[in-house]
């Protein structure tokens, strides 16, 4: 799926993008955005898996994963044009469509479609974040893991166990025990 197809589906339209995108390929283990870097782009992930994480006193924390068909960015940095507090890391080879900040904001001045896209993208990212926060507060690791299996089976197949454990906030040994207990 391309970004244009994604936007047309999201907005129920058949128009074309009022801004240009560039398709870029990243090799596995590439860093797209580093902590401290100002995010200048939004990325539409055509293919691959991207890890979003941050540094903490107890080690790196994995905040989320993005998959094919997702928009991904260090979004707070993109909006504020200040240094990012998260990194974007390619867990697999990735193909992304890049939407530069300057072009998107220029399109906002003249295009209703761009404004609708910006609003819906922000709403989708907000809803994803709220669901994740609620899950972290109300569900234990087993419940969150079972939801991963149900809603994101590709995660289990493509992402190393130690990264899934870090995402869930548990030790890899605990995840191994959990996986054995539900098999």
Protein backbone atom coordinates (compact mmCIF):
# COMPACT_ATOMS: atom_id res chain seq x y z
CA UNK A 1 0.00 0.00 0.00
CA UNK A 2 1.27 3.49 -0.79
CA UNK A 3 0.71 6.61 1.28
CA UNK A 4 -1.68 7.93 -1.38
CA UNK A 5 -3.75 4.72 -1.16
CA UNK A 6 -3.67 4.94 2.65
CA UNK A 7 -4.87 8.56 2.64
CA UNK A 8 -7.59 7.86 0.07
CA UNK A 9 -8.82 4.96 2.18
CA UNK A 10 -8.62 6.98 5.42
CA UNK A 11 -10.43 9.99 3.92
CA UNK A 12 -12.71 8.02 1.59
CA UNK A 13 -11.52 9.98 -1.45
CA UNK A 14 -9.84 9.22 -4.74
CA UNK A 15 -7.67 12.34 -4.95
CA UNK A 16 -3.93 12.49 -5.09
CA UNK A 17 -1.51 13.78 -2.50
CA UNK A 18 -1.05 17.55 -2.45
CA UNK A 19 2.58 17.04 -1.41
CA UNK A 20 5.44 15.00 -2.79
CA UNK A 21 6.87 11.93 -1.12
CA UNK A 22 10.14 10.13 -1.66
CA UNK A 23 10.47 6.38 -1.28
CA UNK A 24 13.53 5.33 0.71
CA UNK A 25 14.88 1.91 1.59
CA UNK A 26 16.58 1.29 4.93
CA UNK A 27 18.60 -1.81 5.73
CA UNK A 28 17.91 -3.88 8.82
CA UNK A 29 19.53 -2.27 11.92
CA UNK A 30 19.43 1.23 10.40
CA UNK A 31 18.54 4.15 12.65
CA UNK A 32 16.05 6.44 10.95
CA UNK A 33 15.82 8.97 13.77
CA UNK A 34 18.25 9.25 16.69
CA UNK A 35 17.61 10.60 20.16
CA UNK A 36 18.57 14.28 20.11
CA UNK A 37 17.92 14.67 16.39
CA UNK A 38 15.12 16.99 15.23
CA UNK A 39 12.54 14.96 13.32
CA UNK A 40 12.07 16.48 9.89
CA UNK A 41 9.80 13.80 8.40
CA UNK A 42 6.79 11.58 8.80
CA UNK A 43 7.26 8.11 7.37
CA UNK A 44 4.68 5.81 5.85
CA UNK A 45 5.96 2.27 6.32
CA UNK A 46 5.29 0.33 3.12
CA UNK A 47 7.24 -2.72 4.21
CA UNK A 48 9.10 -3.78 7.35
CA UNK A 49 9.08 -3.31 11.11
CA UNK A 50 10.34 -0.25 12.98
CA UNK A 51 11.02 -0.13 16.71
CA UNK A 52 10.31 3.10 18.60
CA UNK A 53 12.24 3.37 21.84
CA UNK A 54 13.85 5.66 24.34
CA UNK A 55 16.70 5.68 26.80
CA UNK A 56 16.03 5.31 30.51
CA UNK A 57 18.21 4.96 33.58
CA UNK A 58 17.49 1.23 33.59
CA UNK A 59 18.33 0.78 29.89
CA UNK A 60 16.57 1.33 26.60
CA UNK A 61 12.78 1.00 26.70
CA UNK A 62 10.76 -0.08 23.70
CA UNK A 63 7.70 2.10 23.40
CA UNK A 64 6.10 0.55 20.34
CA UNK A 65 6.56 -1.17 17.00
CA UNK A 66 5.29 0.02 13.62
CA UNK A 67 4.38 -2.33 10.80
CA UNK A 68 3.59 -2.11 7.10
CA UNK A 69 0.74 0.34 6.55
CA UNK A 70 1.58 2.45 9.62
CA UNK A 71 2.59 6.08 9.86
CA UNK A 72 5.63 6.48 12.08
CA UNK A 73 7.72 9.38 13.30
CA UNK A 74 9.19 10.91 16.39
CA UNK A 75 5.93 12.80 16.30
CA UNK A 76 6.43 15.18 19.22
CA UNK A 77 9.76 16.22 17.72
CA UNK A 78 8.12 16.56 14.29
CA UNK A 79 5.39 18.81 15.69
CA UNK A 80 7.66 20.95 17.88
CA UNK A 81 10.76 20.82 15.66
CA UNK A 82 12.78 20.22 18.84
CA UNK A 83 15.18 17.38 19.67
CA UNK A 84 13.67 13.90 19.68
CA UNK A 85 13.50 11.91 22.90
CA UNK A 86 12.92 8.66 21.01
CA UNK A 87 14.69 6.67 18.31
CA UNK A 88 13.32 4.89 15.24
CA UNK A 89 15.21 1.66 14.49
CA UNK A 90 14.69 -0.79 11.62
CA UNK A 91 14.21 -4.33 12.91
CA UNK A 92 13.96 -5.56 9.32
CA UNK A 93 14.76 -4.11 5.92
CA UNK A 94 12.24 -1.29 5.49
CA UNK A 95 10.72 0.67 2.64
CA UNK A 96 9.20 4.00 3.65
CA UNK A 97 7.60 6.95 1.94
CA UNK A 98 9.02 10.14 3.41
CA UNK A 99 6.86 13.24 3.92
CA UNK A 100 9.08 16.24 4.76
CA UNK A 101 7.90 18.70 7.42
CA UNK A 102 8.29 21.75 5.17
CA UNK A 103 6.27 20.24 2.32
CA UNK A 104 3.49 19.06 4.59
CA UNK A 105 3.18 22.45 6.27
CA UNK A 106 3.21 24.18 2.91
CA UNK A 107 0.40 21.88 1.75
CA UNK A 108 -1.56 22.68 4.92
CA UNK A 109 -1.82 26.28 3.66
CA UNK A 110 -3.61 25.34 0.44
CA UNK A 111 -5.10 21.87 0.76
CA UNK A 112 -8.09 20.63 2.69
CA UNK A 113 -6.94 17.05 1.97
CA UNK A 114 -3.60 17.78 3.68
CA UNK A 115 -5.34 19.24 6.70
CA UNK A 116 -7.67 16.26 6.93
CA UNK A 117 -4.72 13.91 6.66
CA UNK A 118 -2.85 15.79 9.41
CA UNK A 119 -5.86 15.73 11.73
CA UNK A 120 -6.65 12.06 11.16
CA UNK A 121 -3.00 11.04 11.50
CA UNK A 122 -2.76 12.93 14.79
CA UNK A 123 -6.01 11.37 16.03
CA UNK A 124 -4.82 7.86 15.08
CA UNK A 125 -1.47 8.34 16.85
CA UNK A 126 -3.25 9.75 19.91
CA UNK A 127 -5.70 6.84 20.10
CA UNK A 128 -2.87 4.32 19.75
CA UNK A 129 -1.00 6.01 22.60
CA UNK A 130 -4.06 6.19 24.89
CA UNK A 131 -4.86 2.49 24.33
CA UNK A 132 -1.30 1.54 25.14
CA UNK A 133 -1.27 3.65 28.31
CA UNK A 134 -4.57 2.17 29.49
CA UNK A 135 -3.32 -1.36 28.77
CA UNK A 136 -0.15 -0.70 30.77
CA UNK A 137 -2.24 0.48 33.73
CA UNK A 138 -4.99 -2.14 33.65
CA UNK A 139 -3.50 -5.34 32.19
CA UNK A 140 -0.75 -7.63 33.32
CA UNK A 141 2.04 -8.89 31.05
CA UNK A 142 0.18 -12.10 30.19
CA UNK A 143 -2.93 -10.21 29.08
CA UNK A 144 -0.85 -7.78 27.00
CA UNK A 145 1.06 -10.69 25.44
CA UNK A 146 -2.16 -12.52 24.54
CA UNK A 147 -3.42 -9.36 22.85
CA UNK A 148 -0.18 -9.14 20.86
CA UNK A 149 -0.71 -12.69 19.64
CA UNK A 150 -4.29 -11.91 18.71
CA UNK A 151 -3.88 -8.49 17.08
CA UNK A 152 -0.25 -8.52 15.92
CA UNK A 153 0.74 -12.12 15.16
CA UNK A 154 3.49 -10.83 12.86
CA UNK A 155 5.19 -9.43 15.96
CA UNK A 156 5.67 -12.85 17.43
CA UNK A 157 7.16 -14.21 14.22
CA UNK A 158 9.40 -11.30 13.22
CA UNK A 159 10.61 -9.71 16.47
CA UNK A 160 13.21 -11.31 18.75
CA UNK A 161 11.89 -12.54 22.10
CA UNK A 162 14.12 -10.20 24.12
CA UNK A 163 12.64 -7.19 22.30
CA UNK A 164 9.06 -8.35 22.89
CA UNK A 165 9.93 -8.81 26.58
CA UNK A 166 11.36 -5.29 26.75
CA UNK A 167 8.22 -3.95 25.05
CA UNK A 168 6.06 -5.74 27.65
CA UNK A 169 8.30 -4.54 30.49
CA UNK A 170 9.31 -8.02 31.64
CA UNK A 171 12.47 -10.12 31.60
CA UNK A 172 13.03 -12.47 28.64
CA UNK A 173 12.99 -15.43 31.05
CA UNK A 174 9.55 -14.37 32.28
CA UNK A 175 8.32 -14.16 28.71
CA UNK A 176 9.68 -17.65 27.99
CA UNK A 177 7.81 -19.03 31.02
CA UNK A 178 4.69 -17.19 29.95
CA UNK A 179 4.90 -18.56 26.42
CA UNK A 180 5.30 -22.11 27.76
CA UNK A 181 2.35 -21.73 30.10
CA UNK A 182 -0.05 -20.67 27.34
CA UNK A 183 1.18 -23.17 24.70
